[in-house]
């Protein structure tokens, strides 16, 4: 009896062409959320912080609403990327570790979005001290978590790219270097933009490598 099960090396379907765009959508959603929910500096006075959230309540709330779809799309993108990294003789640990970094980043977004909702849900009941404390959490915690997430994700992805060669080796070394820099304390405030730039770069490379074997599209 002939086995009609499709081989993973057969020509890719429509999903293989569309899936890389999840990374692009993810970056756009995160960027919109950050722009809309631009929070006051943690060095501002408690009174000015509370006044900011009272004046910009609607805008911050809309920005927080973008967090949920960003997290969902992001996890689908990280899962798709994991499949790219777990190829040939490379042990699946590197893809799994990279995906763990994506999950940690999703948790980071959930925390940031939750704190933003807490700041705007019943802002009229907030005291200056409470608003200041929540603003500290929203402003500082995501940076350190994003730094750890990006470091974990980019370092593991870089090793997988170098070992498997399904994606360009130069991209693997670039990922490894920026991942190490992102994980360092000095990289905390660079992690969020670094995740966006790195994701767009990976999306661009995968977009032109539609063959499951990793060959360049003709």
N, C-alpha and C. Protein backbone atom coordinates (compact mmCIF):
# COMPACT_ATOMS: atom_id res chain seq x y z
N UNK A 1 0.84 -1.20 0.00
CA UNK A 1 0.00 0.00 0.00
C UNK A 1 0.88 1.25 0.00
N UNK A 2 0.56 2.19 -0.84
CA UNK A 2 1.40 3.39 -0.96
C UNK A 2 1.12 4.36 0.16
N UNK A 3 2.18 4.86 0.74
CA UNK A 3 2.05 5.84 1.83
C UNK A 3 1.89 7.22 1.22
N UNK A 4 0.75 7.83 1.46
CA UNK A 4 0.46 9.13 0.85
C UNK A 4 0.73 10.27 1.81
N UNK A 5 1.30 9.95 2.98
CA UNK A 5 1.62 10.99 3.96
C UNK A 5 2.66 11.94 3.39
N UNK A 6 2.42 13.22 3.51
CA UNK A 6 3.34 14.20 2.95
C UNK A 6 4.64 14.22 3.73
N UNK A 7 5.71 14.30 3.01
CA UNK A 7 7.03 14.39 3.64
C UNK A 7 7.30 15.82 4.02
N UNK A 8 8.05 16.04 5.13
CA UNK A 8 8.35 17.41 5.53
C UNK A 8 9.24 18.12 4.56
N UNK A 9 9.81 17.36 3.59
CA UNK A 9 10.70 18.00 2.62
C UNK A 9 9.98 18.33 1.32
N UNK A 10 8.66 18.09 1.29
CA UNK A 10 7.93 18.44 0.08
C UNK A 10 7.74 19.95 0.00
N UNK A 11 7.24 20.38 -1.15
CA UNK A 11 7.08 21.81 -1.36
C UNK A 11 6.19 22.40 -0.28
N UNK A 12 6.54 23.59 0.22
CA UNK A 12 5.78 24.20 1.29
C UNK A 12 4.41 24.66 0.82
N UNK A 13 3.46 24.65 1.72
CA UNK A 13 2.13 25.13 1.40
C UNK A 13 2.01 26.61 1.68
N UNK A 14 0.75 27.07 1.65
CA UNK A 14 0.50 28.49 1.84
C UNK A 14 0.95 28.95 3.22
N UNK A 15 0.80 28.08 4.23
CA UNK A 15 1.17 28.45 5.59
C UNK A 15 2.65 28.80 5.69
N UNK A 16 3.50 28.04 4.97
CA UNK A 16 4.94 28.29 5.01
C UNK A 16 5.30 29.66 4.46
N UNK A 17 4.46 30.17 3.57
CA UNK A 17 4.72 31.49 2.99
C UNK A 17 4.18 32.60 3.88
N UNK A 18 3.05 32.32 4.55
CA UNK A 18 2.41 33.35 5.36
C UNK A 18 2.99 33.43 6.77
N UNK A 19 3.36 32.28 7.33
CA UNK A 19 3.78 32.22 8.73
C UNK A 19 4.89 33.19 9.11
N UNK A 20 5.91 33.40 8.27
CA UNK A 20 6.95 34.36 8.67
C UNK A 20 6.41 35.76 8.95
N UNK A 21 5.28 36.11 8.31
CA UNK A 21 4.70 37.44 8.51
C UNK A 21 4.15 37.62 9.93
N UNK A 22 3.98 36.52 10.65
CA UNK A 22 3.55 36.63 12.05
C UNK A 22 4.56 37.46 12.84
N UNK A 23 5.83 37.30 12.50
CA UNK A 23 6.85 38.09 13.18
C UNK A 23 6.69 39.57 12.92
N UNK A 24 6.35 39.92 11.68
CA UNK A 24 6.12 41.32 11.33
C UNK A 24 4.91 41.88 12.07
N UNK A 25 3.81 41.11 12.09
CA UNK A 25 2.60 41.55 12.80
C UNK A 25 2.89 41.71 14.29
N UNK A 26 3.66 40.79 14.84
CA UNK A 26 4.04 40.85 16.25
C UNK A 26 4.77 42.15 16.57
N UNK A 27 5.74 42.51 15.76
CA UNK A 27 6.52 43.73 15.99
C UNK A 27 5.63 44.96 15.89
N UNK A 28 4.73 44.97 14.90
CA UNK A 28 3.83 46.12 14.72
C UNK A 28 2.93 46.29 15.94
N UNK A 29 2.35 45.18 16.43
CA UNK A 29 1.46 45.26 17.58
C UNK A 29 2.18 45.74 18.83
N UNK A 30 3.39 45.24 19.04
CA UNK A 30 4.18 45.68 20.20
C UNK A 30 4.51 47.16 20.08
N UNK A 31 4.90 47.59 18.88
CA UNK A 31 5.26 48.99 18.67
C UNK A 31 4.07 49.91 18.92
N UNK A 32 2.89 49.53 18.42
CA UNK A 32 1.69 50.34 18.64
C UNK A 32 1.37 50.43 20.12
N UNK A 33 1.48 49.30 20.82
CA UNK A 33 1.20 49.28 22.25
C UNK A 33 2.15 50.20 23.01
N UNK A 34 3.43 50.16 22.66
CA UNK A 34 4.42 50.99 23.35
C UNK A 34 4.16 52.48 23.10
N UNK A 35 3.84 52.81 21.85
CA UNK A 35 3.60 54.22 21.49
C UNK A 35 2.38 54.76 22.22
N UNK A 36 1.31 53.98 22.23
CA UNK A 36 0.06 54.45 22.85
C UNK A 36 0.16 54.51 24.37
N UNK A 37 0.87 53.58 24.95
CA UNK A 37 0.94 53.53 26.42
C UNK A 37 2.24 54.12 26.94
N UNK A 38 2.75 55.11 26.26
CA UNK A 38 3.96 55.79 26.70
C UNK A 38 3.75 56.37 28.10
N UNK A 39 4.47 55.83 29.06
CA UNK A 39 4.23 56.18 30.46
C UNK A 39 5.18 57.26 30.94
N UNK A 40 4.81 57.99 32.00
CA UNK A 40 5.69 59.05 32.52
C UNK A 40 6.96 58.50 33.13
N UNK A 41 7.96 59.34 33.17
CA UNK A 41 9.25 58.95 33.75
C UNK A 41 9.09 58.64 35.23
N UNK A 42 9.81 57.63 35.70
CA UNK A 42 9.71 57.24 37.10
C UNK A 42 10.27 58.29 38.06
N UNK A 43 11.01 59.25 37.52
CA UNK A 43 11.57 60.31 38.37
C UNK A 43 10.60 61.47 38.57
N UNK A 44 9.45 61.43 37.89
CA UNK A 44 8.45 62.48 38.06
C UNK A 44 7.83 62.43 39.45
N UNK A 45 7.25 63.53 39.85
CA UNK A 45 6.62 63.58 41.17
C UNK A 45 5.36 62.73 41.19
N UNK A 46 4.99 62.18 42.36
CA UNK A 46 3.77 61.36 42.46
C UNK A 46 2.52 62.09 41.94
N UNK A 47 2.41 63.38 42.23
CA UNK A 47 1.24 64.13 41.79
C UNK A 47 1.18 64.21 40.27
N UNK A 48 2.32 64.44 39.62
CA UNK A 48 2.34 64.55 38.15
C UNK A 48 2.09 63.20 37.49
N UNK A 49 2.55 62.12 38.12
CA UNK A 49 2.31 60.78 37.58
C UNK A 49 0.81 60.46 37.61
N UNK A 50 0.18 60.74 38.74
CA UNK A 50 -1.26 60.50 38.85
C UNK A 50 -2.03 61.37 37.86
N UNK A 51 -1.63 62.61 37.73
CA UNK A 51 -2.31 63.51 36.79
C UNK A 51 -2.17 63.02 35.35
N UNK A 52 -1.01 62.45 35.03
CA UNK A 52 -0.79 61.94 33.68
C UNK A 52 -1.80 60.84 33.34
N UNK A 53 -1.97 59.90 34.25
CA UNK A 53 -2.89 58.78 33.97
C UNK A 53 -4.35 59.22 33.96
N UNK A 54 -4.66 60.28 34.68
CA UNK A 54 -6.02 60.80 34.62
C UNK A 54 -6.29 61.46 33.28
N UNK A 55 -5.30 62.17 32.76
CA UNK A 55 -5.47 62.87 31.48
C UNK A 55 -5.41 61.90 30.29
N UNK A 56 -4.49 60.92 30.37
CA UNK A 56 -4.26 60.02 29.24
C UNK A 56 -4.84 58.63 29.47
N UNK A 57 -5.86 58.55 30.28
CA UNK A 57 -6.47 57.26 30.63
C UNK A 57 -6.87 56.45 29.40
N UNK A 58 -7.57 57.06 28.47
CA UNK A 58 -8.08 56.33 27.31
C UNK A 58 -6.94 55.83 26.42
N UNK A 59 -5.95 56.67 26.21
CA UNK A 59 -4.84 56.27 25.34
C UNK A 59 -4.05 55.11 25.93
N UNK A 60 -3.75 55.17 27.22
CA UNK A 60 -3.00 54.09 27.87
C UNK A 60 -3.82 52.80 27.86
N UNK A 61 -5.14 52.92 28.05
CA UNK A 61 -6.01 51.74 28.03
C UNK A 61 -6.00 51.07 26.67
N UNK A 62 -6.10 51.87 25.60
CA UNK A 62 -6.06 51.32 24.24
C UNK A 62 -4.72 50.63 23.99
N UNK A 63 -3.64 51.26 24.46
CA UNK A 63 -2.32 50.65 24.31
C UNK A 63 -2.23 49.31 25.01
N UNK A 64 -2.84 49.22 26.20
CA UNK A 64 -2.84 47.97 26.95
C UNK A 64 -3.64 46.90 26.22
N UNK A 65 -4.70 47.30 25.51
CA UNK A 65 -5.51 46.34 24.77
C UNK A 65 -4.73 45.67 23.64
N UNK A 66 -3.70 46.33 23.14
CA UNK A 66 -2.89 45.75 22.07
C UNK A 66 -1.94 44.67 22.59
N UNK A 67 -1.77 44.61 23.90
CA UNK A 67 -0.83 43.64 24.47
C UNK A 67 -1.29 42.21 24.21
N UNK A 68 -2.57 41.93 24.45
CA UNK A 68 -3.08 40.56 24.32
C UNK A 68 -2.87 39.99 22.91
N UNK A 69 -3.31 40.69 21.85
CA UNK A 69 -3.05 40.14 20.51
C UNK A 69 -1.56 40.06 20.18
N UNK A 70 -0.76 41.00 20.71
CA UNK A 70 0.68 40.94 20.49
C UNK A 70 1.28 39.67 21.10
N UNK A 71 0.82 39.33 22.31
CA UNK A 71 1.32 38.12 22.98
C UNK A 71 0.92 36.87 22.21
N UNK A 72 -0.35 36.80 21.78
CA UNK A 72 -0.83 35.62 21.06
C UNK A 72 -0.09 35.43 19.73
N UNK A 73 -0.02 36.50 18.95
CA UNK A 73 0.68 36.43 17.66
C UNK A 73 2.16 36.12 17.89
N UNK A 74 2.74 36.75 18.91
CA UNK A 74 4.14 36.53 19.21
C UNK A 74 4.44 35.07 19.54
N UNK A 75 3.60 34.43 20.31
CA UNK A 75 3.82 33.02 20.66
C UNK A 75 3.72 32.12 19.43
N UNK A 76 2.79 32.41 18.52
CA UNK A 76 2.72 31.65 17.28
C UNK A 76 4.00 31.85 16.46
N UNK A 77 4.50 33.08 16.45
CA UNK A 77 5.74 33.36 15.71
C UNK A 77 6.93 32.64 16.33
N UNK A 78 7.04 32.68 17.66
CA UNK A 78 8.15 32.01 18.32
C UNK A 78 8.09 30.50 18.12
N UNK A 79 6.87 29.94 18.09
CA UNK A 79 6.71 28.51 17.85
C UNK A 79 7.15 28.15 16.42
N UNK A 80 6.78 29.01 15.47
CA UNK A 80 7.20 28.79 14.08
C UNK A 80 8.72 28.88 13.96
N UNK A 81 9.32 29.85 14.64
CA UNK A 81 10.78 30.00 14.60
C UNK A 81 11.45 28.78 15.22
N UNK A 82 10.87 28.25 16.30
CA UNK A 82 11.44 27.06 16.93
C UNK A 82 11.55 25.92 15.93
N UNK A 83 10.53 25.75 15.08
CA UNK A 83 10.58 24.69 14.08
C UNK A 83 11.71 24.88 13.09
N UNK A 84 12.00 26.12 12.76
CA UNK A 84 13.12 26.41 11.86
C UNK A 84 14.45 26.07 12.52
N UNK A 85 14.52 26.28 13.83
CA UNK A 85 15.78 26.06 14.54
C UNK A 85 16.03 24.59 14.85
N UNK A 86 14.97 23.78 14.88
CA UNK A 86 15.12 22.36 15.22
C UNK A 86 15.21 21.53 13.96
N UNK A 87 16.28 21.70 13.19
CA UNK A 87 16.43 20.98 11.94
C UNK A 87 17.79 20.30 11.87
N UNK A 88 17.90 19.38 10.93
CA UNK A 88 19.11 18.58 10.73
C UNK A 88 19.52 17.87 12.00
N UNK A 89 20.82 17.90 12.31
CA UNK A 89 21.33 17.13 13.46
C UNK A 89 21.40 17.96 14.73
N UNK A 90 20.86 19.16 14.67
CA UNK A 90 20.90 20.02 15.85
C UNK A 90 19.94 19.49 16.90
N UNK A 91 20.43 19.36 18.12
CA UNK A 91 19.55 18.87 19.19
C UNK A 91 18.43 19.86 19.41
N UNK A 92 17.25 19.33 19.70
CA UNK A 92 16.08 20.18 19.84
C UNK A 92 16.16 21.14 21.02
N UNK A 93 17.19 20.97 21.87
CA UNK A 93 17.28 21.84 23.04
C UNK A 93 17.37 23.31 22.66
N UNK A 94 18.06 23.62 21.55
CA UNK A 94 18.27 25.03 21.21
C UNK A 94 16.97 25.68 20.77
N UNK A 95 16.18 24.98 19.99
CA UNK A 95 14.87 25.51 19.62
C UNK A 95 13.97 25.67 20.83
N UNK A 96 14.05 24.71 21.75
CA UNK A 96 13.23 24.77 22.96
C UNK A 96 13.63 25.94 23.84
N UNK A 97 14.93 26.17 23.98
CA UNK A 97 15.40 27.28 24.80
C UNK A 97 15.00 28.62 24.17
N UNK A 98 15.12 28.72 22.85
CA UNK A 98 14.70 29.95 22.17
C UNK A 98 13.22 30.20 22.38
N UNK A 99 12.42 29.13 22.30
CA UNK A 99 10.98 29.28 22.52
C UNK A 99 10.69 29.67 23.96
N UNK A 100 11.49 29.17 24.89
CA UNK A 100 11.33 29.56 26.30
C UNK A 100 11.56 31.05 26.47
N UNK A 101 12.53 31.59 25.71
CA UNK A 101 12.75 33.03 25.72
C UNK A 101 11.54 33.77 25.20
N UNK A 102 10.89 33.23 24.16
CA UNK A 102 9.68 33.83 23.64
C UNK A 102 8.54 33.81 24.65
N UNK A 103 8.43 32.71 25.40
CA UNK A 103 7.40 32.62 26.44
C UNK A 103 7.66 33.65 27.54
N UNK A 104 8.93 33.80 27.93
CA UNK A 104 9.28 34.78 28.95
C UNK A 104 8.94 36.19 28.47
N UNK A 105 9.16 36.47 27.19
CA UNK A 105 8.80 37.78 26.66
C UNK A 105 7.30 37.98 26.67
N UNK A 106 6.55 36.90 26.38
CA UNK A 106 5.09 36.99 26.44
C UNK A 106 4.63 37.30 27.86
N UNK A 107 5.28 36.67 28.85
CA UNK A 107 4.96 36.97 30.26
C UNK A 107 5.26 38.43 30.57
N UNK A 108 6.37 38.92 30.02
CA UNK A 108 6.74 40.33 30.21
C UNK A 108 5.63 41.25 29.70
N UNK A 109 5.13 40.95 28.51
CA UNK A 109 4.05 41.75 27.95
C UNK A 109 2.78 41.67 28.79
N UNK A 110 2.49 40.47 29.30
CA UNK A 110 1.30 40.31 30.13
C UNK A 110 1.38 41.12 31.41
N UNK A 111 2.56 41.14 32.02
CA UNK A 111 2.75 41.92 33.25
C UNK A 111 2.60 43.41 32.96
N UNK A 112 3.26 43.87 31.90
CA UNK A 112 3.19 45.30 31.56
C UNK A 112 1.76 45.71 31.23
N UNK A 113 1.06 44.89 30.45
CA UNK A 113 -0.32 45.22 30.11
C UNK A 113 -1.24 45.20 31.32
N UNK A 114 -1.02 44.24 32.22
CA UNK A 114 -1.83 44.16 33.43
C UNK A 114 -1.65 45.36 34.33
N UNK A 115 -0.41 45.82 34.47
CA UNK A 115 -0.15 47.00 35.30
C UNK A 115 -0.78 48.24 34.68
N UNK A 116 -0.72 48.34 33.34
CA UNK A 116 -1.34 49.49 32.68
C UNK A 116 -2.85 49.51 32.90
N UNK A 117 -3.48 48.35 32.83
CA UNK A 117 -4.91 48.27 33.11
C UNK A 117 -5.20 48.67 34.55
N UNK A 118 -4.33 48.25 35.46
CA UNK A 118 -4.52 48.60 36.87
C UNK A 118 -4.43 50.11 37.08
N UNK A 119 -3.58 50.76 36.29
CA UNK A 119 -3.41 52.21 36.41
C UNK A 119 -4.58 52.99 35.84
N UNK A 120 -5.28 52.43 34.87
CA UNK A 120 -6.32 53.18 34.19
C UNK A 120 -7.73 52.68 34.47
N UNK A 121 -7.87 51.51 35.06
CA UNK A 121 -9.19 50.93 35.28
C UNK A 121 -10.05 51.80 36.18
N UNK A 122 -9.52 52.14 37.33
CA UNK A 122 -10.24 53.02 38.28
C UNK A 122 -9.29 54.11 38.74
N UNK A 123 -8.82 54.89 37.79
CA UNK A 123 -7.79 55.88 38.08
C UNK A 123 -8.27 56.92 39.10
N UNK A 124 -9.58 57.14 39.17
CA UNK A 124 -10.08 58.14 40.11
C UNK A 124 -9.90 57.70 41.56
N UNK A 125 -9.70 56.40 41.77
CA UNK A 125 -9.51 55.90 43.13
C UNK A 125 -8.04 55.76 43.51
N UNK A 126 -7.15 56.03 42.56
CA UNK A 126 -5.72 55.91 42.84
C UNK A 126 -5.22 57.08 43.67
N UNK A 127 -4.27 56.78 44.54
CA UNK A 127 -3.57 57.84 45.27
C UNK A 127 -2.26 58.11 44.55
N UNK A 128 -1.65 59.26 44.77
CA UNK A 128 -0.36 59.52 44.14
C UNK A 128 0.69 58.45 44.44
N UNK A 129 0.68 57.94 45.67
CA UNK A 129 1.66 56.92 46.05
C UNK A 129 1.43 55.62 45.29
N UNK A 130 0.16 55.22 45.16
CA UNK A 130 -0.16 53.99 44.44
C UNK A 130 0.18 54.11 42.96
N UNK A 131 -0.17 55.25 42.38
CA UNK A 131 0.13 55.48 40.97
C UNK A 131 1.63 55.44 40.72
N UNK A 132 2.40 56.01 41.66
CA UNK A 132 3.86 56.02 41.52
C UNK A 132 4.42 54.62 41.60
N UNK A 133 3.91 53.81 42.54
CA UNK A 133 4.40 52.44 42.70
C UNK A 133 4.10 51.60 41.45
N UNK A 134 2.87 51.71 40.93
CA UNK A 134 2.51 50.97 39.72
C UNK A 134 3.30 51.46 38.52
N UNK A 135 3.55 52.75 38.47
CA UNK A 135 4.32 53.30 37.35
C UNK A 135 5.76 52.80 37.39
N UNK A 136 6.31 52.64 38.59
CA UNK A 136 7.64 52.05 38.74
C UNK A 136 7.66 50.63 38.18
N UNK A 137 6.63 49.84 38.53
CA UNK A 137 6.55 48.46 38.06
C UNK A 137 6.44 48.41 36.54
N UNK A 138 5.59 49.26 35.98
CA UNK A 138 5.38 49.26 34.53
C UNK A 138 6.62 49.75 33.80
N UNK A 139 7.37 50.65 34.44
CA UNK A 139 8.51 51.24 33.77
C UNK A 139 9.79 50.44 33.88
N UNK A 140 9.98 49.71 34.99
CA UNK A 140 11.27 49.06 35.23
C UNK A 140 11.25 47.54 35.06
N UNK A 141 10.20 46.88 35.56
CA UNK A 141 10.15 45.42 35.52
C UNK A 141 10.22 44.87 34.09
N UNK A 142 9.43 45.41 33.13
CA UNK A 142 9.49 44.86 31.77
C UNK A 142 10.87 44.93 31.15
N UNK A 143 11.66 45.93 31.50
CA UNK A 143 12.98 46.06 30.89
C UNK A 143 13.89 44.90 31.27
N UNK A 144 13.94 44.56 32.57
CA UNK A 144 14.82 43.48 33.00
C UNK A 144 14.33 42.14 32.48
N UNK A 145 12.99 41.94 32.47
CA UNK A 145 12.44 40.69 31.95
C UNK A 145 12.67 40.58 30.44
N UNK A 146 12.48 41.68 29.72
CA UNK A 146 12.72 41.67 28.27
C UNK A 146 14.18 41.41 27.96
N UNK A 147 15.07 41.92 28.81
CA UNK A 147 16.50 41.70 28.63
C UNK A 147 16.83 40.22 28.76
N UNK A 148 16.29 39.57 29.80
CA UNK A 148 16.53 38.14 29.99
C UNK A 148 15.91 37.34 28.86
N UNK A 149 14.69 37.71 28.45
CA UNK A 149 14.00 36.98 27.38
C UNK A 149 14.77 37.06 26.07
N UNK A 150 15.20 38.27 25.72
CA UNK A 150 15.91 38.43 24.45
C UNK A 150 17.25 37.72 24.47
N UNK A 151 17.97 37.83 25.60
CA UNK A 151 19.25 37.14 25.71
C UNK A 151 19.09 35.64 25.53
N UNK A 152 18.12 35.07 26.22
CA UNK A 152 17.86 33.63 26.13
C UNK A 152 17.49 33.23 24.70
N UNK A 153 16.60 33.99 24.10
CA UNK A 153 16.09 33.68 22.78
C UNK A 153 17.18 33.83 21.71
N UNK A 154 17.86 34.96 21.71
CA UNK A 154 18.83 35.23 20.64
C UNK A 154 20.07 34.35 20.75
N UNK A 155 20.53 34.07 21.97
CA UNK A 155 21.71 33.22 22.14
C UNK A 155 21.41 31.80 21.66
N UNK A 156 20.28 31.24 22.11
CA UNK A 156 19.91 29.88 21.69
C UNK A 156 19.67 29.82 20.19
N UNK A 157 18.97 30.82 19.65
CA UNK A 157 18.71 30.85 18.21
C UNK A 157 20.02 30.96 17.43
N UNK A 158 20.94 31.78 17.93
CA UNK A 158 22.22 31.94 17.26
C UNK A 158 23.00 30.64 17.20
N UNK A 159 23.03 29.91 18.30
CA UNK A 159 23.74 28.62 18.33
C UNK A 159 23.09 27.64 17.35
N UNK A 160 21.75 27.59 17.36
CA UNK A 160 21.05 26.69 16.45
C UNK A 160 21.32 27.04 14.99
N UNK A 161 21.33 28.34 14.67
CA UNK A 161 21.59 28.76 13.29
C UNK A 161 23.00 28.38 12.85
N UNK A 162 23.96 28.56 13.75
CA UNK A 162 25.35 28.24 13.41
C UNK A 162 25.53 26.74 13.21
N UNK A 163 24.90 25.94 14.06
CA UNK A 163 25.08 24.50 14.01
C UNK A 163 24.30 23.85 12.87
N UNK A 164 23.10 24.35 12.60
CA UNK A 164 22.26 23.70 11.59
C UNK A 164 22.51 24.22 10.19
N UNK A 165 22.86 25.50 10.08
CA UNK A 165 23.09 26.16 8.79
C UNK A 165 21.84 26.17 7.91
N UNK A 166 20.68 26.05 8.52
CA UNK A 166 19.44 26.21 7.77
C UNK A 166 19.16 27.68 7.51
N UNK A 167 19.67 28.52 8.37
CA UNK A 167 19.64 29.96 8.17
C UNK A 167 21.09 30.43 8.07
N UNK A 168 21.35 31.60 7.47
CA UNK A 168 22.72 32.05 7.25
C UNK A 168 23.57 32.06 8.53
N UNK A 169 24.81 31.64 8.40
CA UNK A 169 25.71 31.60 9.55
C UNK A 169 25.93 32.98 10.13
N UNK A 170 26.00 34.00 9.25
CA UNK A 170 26.22 35.36 9.74
C UNK A 170 25.09 35.81 10.65
N UNK A 171 23.85 35.34 10.35
CA UNK A 171 22.72 35.69 11.20
C UNK A 171 22.84 35.00 12.56
N UNK A 172 23.40 33.80 12.55
CA UNK A 172 23.62 33.09 13.80
C UNK A 172 24.62 33.81 14.69
N UNK A 173 25.73 34.24 14.11
CA UNK A 173 26.74 34.97 14.90
C UNK A 173 26.21 36.31 15.37
N UNK A 174 25.45 36.98 14.50
CA UNK A 174 24.84 38.26 14.90
C UNK A 174 23.89 38.04 16.08
N UNK A 175 23.07 36.99 15.99
CA UNK A 175 22.13 36.69 17.07
C UNK A 175 22.86 36.39 18.36
N UNK A 176 23.94 35.64 18.26
CA UNK A 176 24.71 35.27 19.44
C UNK A 176 25.30 36.50 20.12
N UNK A 177 25.87 37.40 19.32
CA UNK A 177 26.50 38.61 19.89
C UNK A 177 25.47 39.54 20.52
N UNK A 178 24.39 39.85 19.79
CA UNK A 178 23.39 40.77 20.34
C UNK A 178 22.64 40.14 21.50
N UNK A 179 22.53 38.80 21.50
CA UNK A 179 21.89 38.13 22.63
C UNK A 179 22.70 38.27 23.90
N UNK A 180 24.02 38.12 23.77
CA UNK A 180 24.91 38.28 24.92
C UNK A 180 24.86 39.72 25.42
N UNK A 181 24.90 40.67 24.50
CA UNK A 181 24.84 42.09 24.89
C UNK A 181 23.50 42.41 25.55
N UNK A 182 22.42 41.84 25.00
CA UNK A 182 21.10 42.10 25.56
C UNK A 182 20.93 41.55 26.96
N UNK A 183 21.63 40.44 27.26
CA UNK A 183 21.50 39.81 28.57
C UNK A 183 22.31 40.51 29.65
N UNK A 184 23.25 41.35 29.23
CA UNK A 184 24.06 42.08 30.21
C UNK A 184 23.25 43.21 30.85
N UNK A 185 23.62 43.61 32.07
CA UNK A 185 22.88 44.69 32.75
C UNK A 185 22.79 45.97 31.92
N UNK A 186 23.84 46.25 31.13
CA UNK A 186 23.83 47.47 30.33
C UNK A 186 22.86 47.38 29.16
N UNK A 187 22.37 46.17 28.89
CA UNK A 187 21.48 46.00 27.76
C UNK A 187 20.01 46.06 28.09
N UNK A 188 19.68 46.34 29.36
CA UNK A 188 18.28 46.34 29.78
C UNK A 188 17.41 47.26 28.93
N UNK A 189 17.89 48.48 28.71
CA UNK A 189 17.07 49.46 28.01
C UNK A 189 17.15 49.31 26.49
N UNK A 190 18.01 48.39 26.02
CA UNK A 190 18.13 48.15 24.59
C UNK A 190 17.39 46.90 24.16
N UNK A 191 16.92 46.11 25.13
CA UNK A 191 16.33 44.81 24.81
C UNK A 191 15.06 44.93 23.98
N UNK A 192 14.16 45.84 24.35
CA UNK A 192 12.89 45.96 23.62
C UNK A 192 13.10 46.34 22.15
N UNK A 193 13.87 47.40 21.84
CA UNK A 193 14.12 47.68 20.42
C UNK A 193 14.92 46.59 19.74
N UNK A 194 15.81 45.93 20.50
CA UNK A 194 16.63 44.86 19.91
C UNK A 194 15.77 43.68 19.48
N UNK A 195 14.76 43.34 20.28
CA UNK A 195 13.86 42.25 19.92
C UNK A 195 13.14 42.57 18.61
N UNK A 196 12.69 43.82 18.47
CA UNK A 196 12.00 44.20 17.25
C UNK A 196 12.89 44.14 16.03
N UNK A 197 14.07 44.71 16.13
CA UNK A 197 15.01 44.73 14.99
C UNK A 197 15.44 43.31 14.63
N UNK A 198 15.76 42.51 15.64
CA UNK A 198 16.21 41.14 15.42
C UNK A 198 15.09 40.31 14.76
N UNK A 199 13.87 40.47 15.25
CA UNK A 199 12.74 39.72 14.69
C UNK A 199 12.52 40.09 13.22
N UNK A 200 12.56 41.37 12.90
CA UNK A 200 12.37 41.80 11.51
C UNK A 200 13.47 41.25 10.61
N UNK A 201 14.68 41.19 11.13
CA UNK A 201 15.79 40.66 10.35
C UNK A 201 15.59 39.17 10.07
N UNK A 202 15.19 38.42 11.10
CA UNK A 202 14.94 36.99 10.93
C UNK A 202 13.77 36.75 9.98
N UNK A 203 12.72 37.55 10.11
CA UNK A 203 11.56 37.44 9.22
C UNK A 203 12.00 37.65 7.76
N UNK A 204 12.82 38.67 7.54
CA UNK A 204 13.27 38.95 6.18
C UNK A 204 14.07 37.81 5.58
N UNK A 205 14.94 37.19 6.40
CA UNK A 205 15.75 36.09 5.90
C UNK A 205 14.88 34.87 5.60
N UNK A 206 13.97 34.52 6.52
CA UNK A 206 13.12 33.34 6.33
C UNK A 206 12.18 33.54 5.15
N UNK A 207 11.71 34.76 4.95
CA UNK A 207 10.76 35.04 3.87
C UNK A 207 11.31 34.61 2.51
N UNK A 208 12.63 34.76 2.31
CA UNK A 208 13.24 34.41 1.04
C UNK A 208 13.79 32.99 1.03
N UNK A 209 13.49 32.25 2.12
CA UNK A 209 13.92 30.84 2.18
C UNK A 209 12.68 29.98 2.36
N UNK A 210 11.89 29.89 1.31
CA UNK A 210 10.60 29.20 1.40
C UNK A 210 10.72 27.69 1.31
N UNK A 211 11.85 27.17 0.83
CA UNK A 211 12.00 25.73 0.71
C UNK A 211 12.26 25.13 2.08
N UNK A 212 11.57 24.03 2.46
CA UNK A 212 11.77 23.42 3.76
C UNK A 212 13.22 23.00 4.03
N UNK A 213 13.98 22.79 2.94
CA UNK A 213 15.38 22.40 3.12
C UNK A 213 16.26 23.62 3.40
N UNK A 214 15.67 24.82 3.39
CA UNK A 214 16.43 26.00 3.70
C UNK A 214 17.11 26.64 2.50
N UNK A 215 16.78 26.16 1.30
CA UNK A 215 17.40 26.73 0.10
C UNK A 215 16.76 28.06 -0.24
N UNK A 216 17.52 28.92 -0.86
CA UNK A 216 16.98 30.21 -1.27
C UNK A 216 15.93 30.02 -2.34
N UNK A 217 14.83 30.81 -2.19
CA UNK A 217 13.77 30.75 -3.19
C UNK A 217 14.27 31.30 -4.51
N UNK A 218 13.83 30.70 -5.60
CA UNK A 218 14.28 31.16 -6.92
C UNK A 218 13.18 31.98 -7.56
